[in-house]
Amino acid sequence: MPEPHSDASLKVGRRIAQLRHAATLSAKKLAECADLDLTHLQRIEKGAGNPTLYTLLQIAVALEVEVGELLVDLDAEDLPQGRRPYGYSRRDEFRRQPRTWG
């Protein structure tokens, strides 16, 4: 099995698979409805893919869910270490500095 792209990709992929099973769709049928290659969808479901927003929208429409349903329970901890937001230190703590203009 390919290595997951990130924890976020793995969670999104698992969520897509969960929604697909709940809708009683095969991977082949979902790929067809979403206008995706079957192997691309399978990689996404395994967390090995890194789907674009456009691809997530295609999948959400095919599953007849809001795109946000694919992203439930994601947070900064799911991002790779080097990709976390500036100022992030712990799961519940984001320190945002106000922008100064001028």
PDB file of N, CA and C in Angstrom:
ATOM      1  N   MET A   1       0.847  -1.186   0.000  1.00  0.00           N
ATOM      2  CA  MET A   1       0.000   0.000   0.000  1.00  0.00           C
ATOM      3  C   MET A   1       0.884   1.237   0.000  1.00  0.00           C
ATOM      4  N   PRO A   2       0.540   2.231  -0.825  1.00  0.00           N
ATOM      5  CA  PRO A   2       1.344   3.459  -0.854  1.00  0.00           C
ATOM      6  C   PRO A   2       1.306   4.191   0.481  1.00  0.00           C
ATOM      7  N   GLU A   3       2.372   4.890   0.755  1.00  0.00           N
ATOM      8  CA  GLU A   3       2.474   5.687   1.983  1.00  0.00           C
ATOM      9  C   GLU A   3       1.478   6.854   1.914  1.00  0.00           C
ATOM     10  N   PRO A   4       0.729   7.130   3.007  1.00  0.00           N
ATOM     11  CA  PRO A   4      -0.188   8.282   3.001  1.00  0.00           C
ATOM     12  C   PRO A   4       0.575   9.587   2.746  1.00  0.00           C
ATOM     13  N   HIS A   5      -0.047  10.473   2.002  1.00  0.00           N
ATOM     14  CA  HIS A   5       0.545  11.777   1.706  1.00  0.00           C
ATOM     15  C   HIS A   5       0.691  12.585   2.990  1.00  0.00           C
ATOM     16  N   SER A   6      -0.335  12.557   3.822  1.00  0.00           N
ATOM     17  CA  SER A   6      -0.339  13.239   5.118  1.00  0.00           C
ATOM     18  C   SER A   6      -1.496  12.670   5.932  1.00  0.00           C
ATOM     19  N   ASP A   7      -1.534  13.012   7.210  1.00  0.00           N
ATOM     20  CA  ASP A   7      -2.667  12.592   8.040  1.00  0.00           C
ATOM     21  C   ASP A   7      -3.962  13.201   7.507  1.00  0.00           C
ATOM     22  N   ALA A   8      -3.880  14.428   6.999  1.00  0.00           N
ATOM     23  CA  ALA A   8      -5.065  15.080   6.439  1.00  0.00           C
ATOM     24  C   ALA A   8      -5.570  14.310   5.227  1.00  0.00           C
ATOM     25  N   SER A   9      -4.672  13.923   4.337  1.00  0.00           N
ATOM     26  CA  SER A   9      -5.068  13.149   3.157  1.00  0.00           C
ATOM     27  C   SER A   9      -5.680  11.813   3.557  1.00  0.00           C
ATOM     28  N   LEU A  10      -5.105  11.188   4.567  1.00  0.00           N
ATOM     29  CA  LEU A  10      -5.616   9.909   5.044  1.00  0.00           C
ATOM     30  C   LEU A  10      -7.024  10.057   5.616  1.00  0.00           C
ATOM     31  N   LYS A  11      -7.248  11.096   6.425  1.00  0.00           N
ATOM     32  CA  LYS A  11      -8.577  11.327   7.000  1.00  0.00           C
ATOM     33  C   LYS A  11      -9.621  11.621   5.920  1.00  0.00           C
ATOM     34  N   VAL A  12      -9.248  12.455   4.947  1.00  0.00           N
ATOM     35  CA  VAL A  12     -10.180  12.791   3.865  1.00  0.00           C
ATOM     36  C   VAL A  12     -10.504  11.536   3.060  1.00  0.00           C
ATOM     37  N   GLY A  13      -9.484  10.749   2.746  1.00  0.00           N
ATOM     38  CA  GLY A  13      -9.703   9.521   1.999  1.00  0.00           C
ATOM     39  C   GLY A  13     -10.611   8.552   2.720  1.00  0.00           C
ATOM     40  N   ARG A  14     -10.387   8.400   4.016  1.00  0.00           N
ATOM     41  CA  ARG A  14     -11.239   7.503   4.808  1.00  0.00           C
ATOM     42  C   ARG A  14     -12.677   8.012   4.848  1.00  0.00           C
ATOM     43  N   ARG A  15     -12.827   9.327   4.947  1.00  0.00           N
ATOM     44  CA  ARG A  15     -14.167   9.917   4.981  1.00  0.00           C
ATOM     45  C   ARG A  15     -14.885   9.684   3.653  1.00  0.00           C
ATOM     46  N   ILE A  16     -14.172   9.850   2.545  1.00  0.00           N
ATOM     47  CA  ILE A  16     -14.767   9.609   1.226  1.00  0.00           C
ATOM     48  C   ILE A  16     -15.212   8.152   1.120  1.00  0.00           C
ATOM     49  N   ALA A  17     -14.345   7.225   1.529  1.00  0.00           N
ATOM     50  CA  ALA A  17     -14.691   5.805   1.480  1.00  0.00           C
ATOM     51  C   ALA A  17     -15.908   5.510   2.361  1.00  0.00           C
ATOM     52  N   GLN A  18     -15.950   6.133   3.539  1.00  0.00           N
ATOM     53  CA  GLN A  18     -17.069   5.940   4.459  1.00  0.00           C
ATOM     54  C   GLN A  18     -18.381   6.430   3.823  1.00  0.00           C
ATOM     55  N   LEU A  19     -18.351   7.618   3.223  1.00  0.00           N
ATOM     56  CA  LEU A  19     -19.551   8.160   2.579  1.00  0.00           C
ATOM     57  C   LEU A  19     -19.946   7.329   1.356  1.00  0.00           C
ATOM     58  N   ARG A  20     -18.955   6.839   0.633  1.00  0.00           N
ATOM     59  CA  ARG A  20     -19.235   5.997  -0.541  1.00  0.00           C
ATOM     60  C   ARG A  20     -19.928   4.711  -0.104  1.00  0.00           C
ATOM     61  N   HIS A  21     -19.425   4.085   0.961  1.00  0.00           N
ATOM     62  CA  HIS A  21     -20.049   2.855   1.462  1.00  0.00           C
ATOM     63  C   HIS A  21     -21.466   3.127   1.959  1.00  0.00           C
ATOM     64  N   ALA A  22     -21.657   4.253   2.645  1.00  0.00           N
ATOM     65  CA  ALA A  22     -22.992   4.608   3.147  1.00  0.00           C
ATOM     66  C   ALA A  22     -23.979   4.813   1.994  1.00  0.00           C
ATOM     67  N   ALA A  23     -23.468   5.291   0.866  1.00  0.00           N
ATOM     68  CA  ALA A  23     -24.312   5.506  -0.312  1.00  0.00           C
ATOM     69  C   ALA A  23     -24.429   4.237  -1.156  1.00  0.00           C
ATOM     70  N   THR A  24     -23.826   3.153  -0.693  1.00  0.00           N
ATOM     71  CA  THR A  24     -23.785   1.865  -1.387  1.00  0.00           C
ATOM     72  C   THR A  24     -23.316   2.000  -2.840  1.00  0.00           C
ATOM     73  N   LEU A  25     -22.221   2.742  -3.002  1.00  0.00           N
ATOM     74  CA  LEU A  25     -21.608   2.912  -4.324  1.00  0.00           C
ATOM     75  C   LEU A  25     -20.288   2.152  -4.367  1.00  0.00           C
ATOM     76  N   SER A  26     -20.024   1.535  -5.474  1.00  0.00           N
ATOM     77  CA  SER A  26     -18.699   0.939  -5.672  1.00  0.00           C
ATOM     78  C   SER A  26     -17.723   2.069  -5.989  1.00  0.00           C
ATOM     79  N   ALA A  27     -16.444   1.796  -5.813  1.00  0.00           N
ATOM     80  CA  ALA A  27     -15.430   2.792  -6.165  1.00  0.00           C
ATOM     81  C   ALA A  27     -15.518   3.114  -7.653  1.00  0.00           C
ATOM     82  N   LYS A  28     -15.766   2.096  -8.448  1.00  0.00           N
ATOM     83  CA  LYS A  28     -15.877   2.300  -9.901  1.00  0.00           C
ATOM     84  C   LYS A  28     -17.037   3.236 -10.236  1.00  0.00           C
ATOM     85  N   LYS A  29     -18.179   3.032  -9.595  1.00  0.00           N
ATOM     86  CA  LYS A  29     -19.356   3.874  -9.865  1.00  0.00           C
ATOM     87  C   LYS A  29     -19.121   5.307  -9.392  1.00  0.00           C
ATOM     88  N   LEU A  30     -18.522   5.491  -8.209  1.00  0.00           N
ATOM     89  CA  LEU A  30     -18.244   6.840  -7.731  1.00  0.00           C
ATOM     90  C   LEU A  30     -17.262   7.548  -8.663  1.00  0.00           C
ATOM     91  N   ALA A  31     -16.219   6.843  -9.080  1.00  0.00           N
ATOM     92  CA  ALA A  31     -15.245   7.440 -10.001  1.00  0.00           C
ATOM     93  C   ALA A  31     -15.930   7.873 -11.289  1.00  0.00           C
ATOM     94  N   GLU A  32     -16.812   7.039 -11.778  1.00  0.00           N
ATOM     95  CA  GLU A  32     -17.556   7.352 -13.002  1.00  0.00           C
ATOM     96  C   GLU A  32     -18.432   8.584 -12.797  1.00  0.00           C
ATOM     97  N   CYS A  33     -19.179   8.616 -11.699  1.00  0.00           N
ATOM     98  CA  CYS A  33     -20.079   9.747 -11.413  1.00  0.00           C
ATOM     99  C   CYS A  33     -19.310  11.046 -11.182  1.00  0.00           C
ATOM    100  N   ALA A  34     -18.116  10.939 -10.609  1.00  0.00           N
ATOM    101  CA  ALA A  34     -17.295  12.124 -10.315  1.00  0.00           C
ATOM    102  C   ALA A  34     -16.382  12.489 -11.480  1.00  0.00           C
ATOM    103  N   ASP A  35     -16.455  11.727 -12.558  1.00  0.00           N
ATOM    104  CA  ASP A  35     -15.614  11.953 -13.737  1.00  0.00           C
ATOM    105  C   ASP A  35     -14.121  11.898 -13.371  1.00  0.00           C
ATOM    106  N   LEU A  36     -13.772  10.856 -12.604  1.00  0.00           N
ATOM    107  CA  LEU A  36     -12.392  10.634 -12.183  1.00  0.00           C
ATOM    108  C   LEU A  36     -11.931   9.266 -12.653  1.00  0.00           C
ATOM    109  N   ASP A  37     -10.652   9.117 -12.807  1.00  0.00           N
ATOM    110  CA  ASP A  37     -10.067   7.824 -13.084  1.00  0.00           C
ATOM    111  C   ASP A  37     -10.188   6.974 -11.816  1.00  0.00           C
ATOM    112  N   LEU A  38     -10.536   5.705 -11.966  1.00  0.00           N
ATOM    113  CA  LEU A  38     -10.716   4.821 -10.816  1.00  0.00           C
ATOM    114  C   LEU A  38      -9.455   4.747  -9.960  1.00  0.00           C
ATOM    115  N   THR A  39      -8.288   4.635 -10.572  1.00  0.00           N
ATOM    116  CA  THR A  39      -7.056   4.540  -9.787  1.00  0.00           C
ATOM    117  C   THR A  39      -6.785   5.836  -9.016  1.00  0.00           C
ATOM    118  N   HIS A  40      -7.177   6.973  -9.587  1.00  0.00           N
ATOM    119  CA  HIS A  40      -7.021   8.251  -8.874  1.00  0.00           C
ATOM    120  C   HIS A  40      -7.903   8.258  -7.624  1.00  0.00           C
ATOM    121  N   LEU A  41      -9.160   7.839  -7.767  1.00  0.00           N
ATOM    122  CA  LEU A  41     -10.064   7.784  -6.615  1.00  0.00           C
ATOM    123  C   LEU A  41      -9.530   6.805  -5.562  1.00  0.00           C
ATOM    124  N   GLN A  42      -9.041   5.663  -5.988  1.00  0.00           N
ATOM    125  CA  GLN A  42      -8.514   4.686  -5.042  1.00  0.00           C
ATOM    126  C   GLN A  42      -7.308   5.234  -4.277  1.00  0.00           C
ATOM    127  N   ARG A  43      -6.440   5.969  -4.964  1.00  0.00           N
ATOM    128  CA  ARG A  43      -5.298   6.596  -4.292  1.00  0.00           C
ATOM    129  C   ARG A  43      -5.784   7.619  -3.265  1.00  0.00           C
ATOM    130  N   ILE A  44      -6.797   8.398  -3.623  1.00  0.00           N
ATOM    131  CA  ILE A  44      -7.350   9.394  -2.695  1.00  0.00           C
ATOM    132  C   ILE A  44      -7.927   8.689  -1.471  1.00  0.00           C
ATOM    133  N   GLU A  45      -8.700   7.638  -1.684  1.00  0.00           N
ATOM    134  CA  GLU A  45      -9.310   6.925  -0.561  1.00  0.00           C
ATOM    135  C   GLU A  45      -8.276   6.299   0.360  1.00  0.00           C
ATOM    136  N   LYS A  46      -7.121   5.917  -0.168  1.00  0.00           N
ATOM    137  CA  LYS A  46      -6.052   5.340   0.648  1.00  0.00           C
ATOM    138  C   LYS A  46      -5.186   6.405   1.309  1.00  0.00           C
ATOM    139  N   GLY A  47      -5.439   7.685   0.988  1.00  0.00           N
ATOM    140  CA  GLY A  47      -4.660   8.771   1.563  1.00  0.00           C
ATOM    141  C   GLY A  47      -3.374   9.037   0.823  1.00  0.00           C
ATOM    142  N   ALA A  48      -3.128   8.310  -0.261  1.00  0.00           N
ATOM    143  CA  ALA A  48      -1.888   8.480  -1.025  1.00  0.00           C
ATOM    144  C   ALA A  48      -1.971   9.644  -1.999  1.00  0.00           C
ATOM    145  N   GLY A  49      -3.168  10.077  -2.321  1.00  0.00           N
ATOM    146  CA  GLY A  49      -3.347  11.205  -3.227  1.00  0.00           C
ATOM    147  C   GLY A  49      -3.477  12.501  -2.447  1.00  0.00           C
ATOM    148  N   ASN A  50      -3.322  13.585  -3.150  1.00  0.00           N
ATOM    149  CA  ASN A  50      -3.491  14.909  -2.555  1.00  0.00           C
ATOM    150  C   ASN A  50      -4.474  15.657  -3.449  1.00  0.00           C
ATOM    151  N   PRO A  51      -5.782  15.416  -3.260  1.00  0.00           N
ATOM    152  CA  PRO A  51      -6.773  15.951  -4.189  1.00  0.00           C
ATOM    153  C   PRO A  51      -6.867  17.470  -4.151  1.00  0.00           C
ATOM    154  N   THR A  52      -7.120  18.027  -5.320  1.00  0.00           N
ATOM    155  CA  THR A  52      -7.333  19.468  -5.421  1.00  0.00           C
ATOM    156  C   THR A  52      -8.750  19.785  -4.940  1.00  0.00           C
ATOM    157  N   LEU A  53      -9.001  21.055  -4.733  1.00  0.00           N
ATOM    158  CA  LEU A  53     -10.341  21.486  -4.359  1.00  0.00           C
ATOM    159  C   LEU A  53     -11.344  21.075  -5.441  1.00  0.00           C
ATOM    160  N   TYR A  54     -10.955  21.225  -6.694  1.00  0.00           N
ATOM    161  CA  TYR A  54     -11.820  20.852  -7.812  1.00  0.00           C
ATOM    162  C   TYR A  54     -12.200  19.371  -7.720  1.00  0.00           C
ATOM    163  N   THR A  55     -11.231  18.513  -7.430  1.00  0.00           N
ATOM    164  CA  THR A  55     -11.485  17.075  -7.309  1.00  0.00           C
ATOM    165  C   THR A  55     -12.400  16.785  -6.123  1.00  0.00           C
ATOM    166  N   LEU A  56     -12.164  17.465  -4.998  1.00  0.00           N
ATOM    167  CA  LEU A  56     -13.036  17.276  -3.835  1.00  0.00           C
ATOM    168  C   LEU A  56     -14.470  17.696  -4.151  1.00  0.00           C
ATOM    169  N   LEU A  57     -14.622  18.769  -4.906  1.00  0.00           N
ATOM    170  CA  LEU A  57     -15.964  19.202  -5.311  1.00  0.00           C
ATOM    171  C   LEU A  57     -16.624  18.164  -6.204  1.00  0.00           C
ATOM    172  N   GLN A  58     -15.880  17.599  -7.134  1.00  0.00           N
ATOM    173  CA  GLN A  58     -16.424  16.560  -8.010  1.00  0.00           C
ATOM    174  C   GLN A  58     -16.915  15.372  -7.181  1.00  0.00           C
ATOM    175  N   ILE A  59     -16.120  14.952  -6.212  1.00  0.00           N
ATOM    176  CA  ILE A  59     -16.480  13.816  -5.365  1.00  0.00           C
ATOM    177  C   ILE A  59     -17.699  14.147  -4.514  1.00  0.00           C
ATOM    178  N   ALA A  60     -17.721  15.336  -3.913  1.00  0.00           N
ATOM    179  CA  ALA A  60     -18.854  15.742  -3.071  1.00  0.00           C
ATOM    180  C   ALA A  60     -20.148  15.772  -3.882  1.00  0.00           C
ATOM    181  N   VAL A  61     -20.095  16.321  -5.081  1.00  0.00           N
ATOM    182  CA  VAL A  61     -21.295  16.376  -5.928  1.00  0.00           C
ATOM    183  C   VAL A  61     -21.755  14.958  -6.260  1.00  0.00           C
ATOM    184  N   ALA A  62     -20.816  14.090  -6.604  1.00  0.00           N
ATOM    185  CA  ALA A  62     -21.169  12.710  -6.942  1.00  0.00           C
ATOM    186  C   ALA A  62     -21.767  11.977  -5.739  1.00  0.00           C
ATOM    187  N   LEU A  63     -21.300  12.276  -4.539  1.00  0.00           N
ATOM    188  CA  LEU A  63     -21.824  11.662  -3.320  1.00  0.00           C
ATOM    189  C   LEU A  63     -23.084  12.359  -2.807  1.00  0.00           C
ATOM    190  N   GLU A  64     -23.407  13.507  -3.409  1.00  0.00           N
ATOM    191  CA  GLU A  64     -24.558  14.315  -3.009  1.00  0.00           C
ATOM    192  C   GLU A  64     -24.446  14.786  -1.565  1.00  0.00           C
ATOM    193  N   VAL A  65     -23.244  15.291  -1.227  1.00  0.00           N
ATOM    194  CA  VAL A  65     -22.996  15.875   0.092  1.00  0.00           C
ATOM    195  C   VAL A  65     -22.320  17.229  -0.100  1.00  0.00           C
ATOM    196  N   GLU A  66     -22.342  18.036   0.941  1.00  0.00           N
ATOM    197  CA  GLU A  66     -21.604  19.293   0.921  1.00  0.00           C
ATOM    198  C   GLU A  66     -20.110  18.976   0.974  1.00  0.00           C
ATOM    199  N   VAL A  67     -19.296  19.768   0.326  1.00  0.00           N
ATOM    200  CA  VAL A  67     -17.857  19.500   0.302  1.00  0.00           C
ATOM    201  C   VAL A  67     -17.275  19.485   1.723  1.00  0.00           C
ATOM    202  N   GLY A  68     -17.846  20.248   2.621  1.00  0.00           N
ATOM    203  CA  GLY A  68     -17.394  20.257   4.013  1.00  0.00           C
ATOM    204  C   GLY A  68     -17.520  18.908   4.694  1.00  0.00           C
ATOM    205  N   GLU A  69     -18.425  18.068   4.214  1.00  0.00           N
ATOM    206  CA  GLU A  69     -18.582  16.724   4.770  1.00  0.00           C
ATOM    207  C   GLU A  69     -17.325  15.887   4.562  1.00  0.00           C
ATOM    208  N   LEU A  70     -16.540  16.226   3.565  1.00  0.00           N
ATOM    209  CA  LEU A  70     -15.309  15.484   3.285  1.00  0.00           C
ATOM    210  C   LEU A  70     -14.173  15.923   4.204  1.00  0.00           C
ATOM    211  N   LEU A  71     -14.352  17.059   4.872  1.00  0.00           N
ATOM    212  CA  LEU A  71     -13.273  17.656   5.644  1.00  0.00           C
ATOM    213  C   LEU A  71     -13.510  17.654   7.154  1.00  0.00           C
ATOM    214  N   VAL A  72     -14.528  16.936   7.605  1.00  0.00           N
ATOM    215  CA  VAL A  72     -14.836  16.932   9.035  1.00  0.00           C
ATOM    216  C   VAL A  72     -13.663  16.391   9.845  1.00  0.00           C
ATOM    217  N   ASP A  73     -13.487  16.948  11.018  1.00  0.00           N
ATOM    218  CA  ASP A  73     -12.460  16.525  11.980  1.00  0.00           C
ATOM    219  C   ASP A  73     -11.023  16.789  11.548  1.00  0.00           C
ATOM    220  N   LEU A  74     -10.809  17.666  10.587  1.00  0.00           N
ATOM    221  CA  LEU A  74      -9.446  18.036  10.210  1.00  0.00           C
ATOM    222  C   LEU A  74      -8.997  19.234  11.029  1.00  0.00           C
ATOM    223  N   ASP A  75      -7.747  19.223  11.432  1.00  0.00           N
ATOM    224  CA  ASP A  75      -7.173  20.393  12.101  1.00  0.00           C
ATOM    225  C   ASP A  75      -5.689  20.477  11.762  1.00  0.00           C
ATOM    226  N   ALA A  76      -5.027  21.438  12.327  1.00  0.00           N
ATOM    227  CA  ALA A  76      -3.623  21.684  12.004  1.00  0.00           C
ATOM    228  C   ALA A  76      -2.729  20.500  12.340  1.00  0.00           C
ATOM    229  N   GLU A  77      -3.109  19.688  13.315  1.00  0.00           N
ATOM    230  CA  GLU A  77      -2.322  18.508  13.668  1.00  0.00           C
ATOM    231  C   GLU A  77      -2.214  17.516  12.514  1.00  0.00           C
ATOM    232  N   ASP A  78      -3.158  17.576  11.584  1.00  0.00           N
ATOM    233  CA  ASP A  78      -3.174  16.648  10.458  1.00  0.00           C
ATOM    234  C   ASP A  78      -2.249  17.079   9.325  1.00  0.00           C
ATOM    235  N   LEU A  79      -1.763  18.305   9.391  1.00  0.00           N
ATOM    236  CA  LEU A  79      -0.829  18.787   8.377  1.00  0.00           C
ATOM    237  C   LEU A  79       0.572  18.247   8.643  1.00  0.00           C
ATOM    238  N   PRO A  80       1.366  18.065   7.593  1.00  0.00           N
ATOM    239  CA  PRO A  80       2.758  17.688   7.838  1.00  0.00           C
ATOM    240  C   PRO A  80       3.448  18.752   8.688  1.00  0.00           C
ATOM    241  N   GLN A  81       4.406  18.348   9.492  1.00  0.00           N
ATOM    242  CA  GLN A  81       5.074  19.247  10.438  1.00  0.00           C
ATOM    243  C   GLN A  81       5.498  20.579   9.811  1.00  0.00           C
ATOM    244  N   GLY A  82       6.089  20.571   8.659  1.00  0.00           N
ATOM    245  CA  GLY A  82       6.583  21.798   8.040  1.00  0.00           C
ATOM    246  C   GLY A  82       5.530  22.645   7.368  1.00  0.00           C
ATOM    247  N   ARG A  83       4.269  22.202   7.376  1.00  0.00           N
ATOM    248  CA  ARG A  83       3.205  22.919   6.670  1.00  0.00           C
ATOM    249  C   ARG A  83       2.176  23.533   7.601  1.00  0.00           C
ATOM    250  N   ARG A  84       2.458  23.549   8.888  1.00  0.00           N
ATOM    251  CA  ARG A  84       1.494  24.100   9.842  1.00  0.00           C
ATOM    252  C   ARG A  84       1.523  25.617   9.798  1.00  0.00           C
ATOM    253  N   PRO A  85       0.395  26.244  10.152  1.00  0.00           N
ATOM    254  CA  PRO A  85       0.328  27.711  10.088  1.00  0.00           C
ATOM    255  C   PRO A  85       1.373  28.391  10.965  1.00  0.00           C
ATOM    256  N   TYR A  86       1.791  29.546  10.544  1.00  0.00           N
ATOM    257  CA  TYR A  86       2.746  30.344  11.300  1.00  0.00           C
ATOM    258  C   TYR A  86       2.190  30.618  12.681  1.00  0.00           C
ATOM    259  N   GLY A  87       2.992  30.434  13.694  1.00  0.00           N
ATOM    260  CA  GLY A  87       2.570  30.712  15.059  1.00  0.00           C
ATOM    261  C   GLY A  87       1.887  29.543  15.730  1.00  0.00           C
ATOM    262  N   TYR A  88       1.730  28.419  15.030  1.00  0.00           N
ATOM    263  CA  TYR A  88       1.054  27.260  15.612  1.00  0.00           C
ATOM    264  C   TYR A  88       1.990  26.582  16.604  1.00  0.00           C
ATOM    265  N   SER A  89       1.493  26.334  17.812  1.00  0.00           N
ATOM    266  CA  SER A  89       2.347  25.662  18.780  1.00  0.00           C
ATOM    267  C   SER A  89       1.687  24.409  19.364  1.00  0.00           C
ATOM    268  N   ARG A  90       0.398  24.443  19.622  1.00  0.00           N
ATOM    269  CA  ARG A  90      -0.314  23.288  20.160  1.00  0.00           C
ATOM    270  C   ARG A  90      -1.667  23.169  19.491  1.00  0.00           C
ATOM    271  N   ARG A  91      -2.272  22.008  19.634  1.00  0.00           N
ATOM    272  CA  ARG A  91      -3.546  21.711  18.975  1.00  0.00           C
ATOM    273  C   ARG A  91      -4.611  22.793  19.195  1.00  0.00           C
ATOM    274  N   ASP A  92      -4.779  23.264  20.410  1.00  0.00           N
ATOM    275  CA  ASP A  92      -5.857  24.210  20.718  1.00  0.00           C
ATOM    276  C   ASP A  92      -5.398  25.666  20.697  1.00  0.00           C
ATOM    277  N   GLU A  93      -4.205  25.909  20.252  1.00  0.00           N
ATOM    278  CA  GLU A  93      -3.688  27.268  20.364  1.00  0.00           C
ATOM    279  C   GLU A  93      -3.167  27.790  19.024  1.00  0.00           C
ATOM    280  N   PHE A  94      -3.826  28.772  18.508  1.00  0.00           N
ATOM    281  CA  PHE A  94      -3.343  29.482  17.332  1.00  0.00           C
ATOM    282  C   PHE A  94      -3.098  30.917  17.765  1.00  0.00           C
ATOM    283  N   ARG A  95      -1.901  31.379  17.548  1.00  0.00           N
ATOM    284  CA  ARG A  95      -1.621  32.772  17.872  1.00  0.00           C
ATOM    285  C   ARG A  95      -1.550  33.546  16.568  1.00  0.00           C
ATOM    286  N   ARG A  96      -2.493  34.367  16.342  1.00  0.00           N
ATOM    287  CA  ARG A  96      -2.530  35.163  15.116  1.00  0.00           C
ATOM    288  C   ARG A  96      -2.168  36.594  15.467  1.00  0.00           C
ATOM    289  N   GLN A  97      -1.206  37.103  14.775  1.00  0.00           N
ATOM    290  CA  GLN A  97      -0.800  38.485  14.969  1.00  0.00           C
ATOM    291  C   GLN A  97      -1.621  39.372  14.037  1.00  0.00           C
ATOM    292  N   PRO A  98      -2.200  40.439  14.575  1.00  0.00           N
ATOM    293  CA  PRO A  98      -2.950  41.325  13.692  1.00  0.00           C
ATOM    294  C   PRO A  98      -2.017  41.997  12.683  1.00  0.00           C
ATOM    295  N   ARG A  99      -2.522  42.141  11.498  1.00  0.00           N
ATOM    296  CA  ARG A  99      -1.745  42.809  10.461  1.00  0.00           C
ATOM    297  C   ARG A  99      -1.739  44.317  10.713  1.00  0.00           C
ATOM    298  N   THR A 100      -0.613  44.910  10.455  1.00  0.00           N
ATOM    299  CA  THR A 100      -0.559  46.361  10.532  1.00  0.00           C
ATOM    300  C   THR A 100      -0.321  46.878   9.127  1.00  0.00           C
ATOM    301  N   TRP A 101      -1.086  47.849   8.771  1.00  0.00           N
ATOM    302  CA  TRP A 101      -1.004  48.423   7.419  1.00  0.00           C
ATOM    303  C   TRP A 101      -0.404  49.814   7.531  1.00  0.00           C
ATOM    304  N   GLY A 102       0.389  50.094   6.566  1.00  0.00           N
ATOM    305  CA  GLY A 102       0.859  51.471   6.531  1.00  0.00           C
ATOM    306  C   GLY A 102       2.281  51.690   6.631  1.00  0.00           C
TER     307      GLY A 102
END
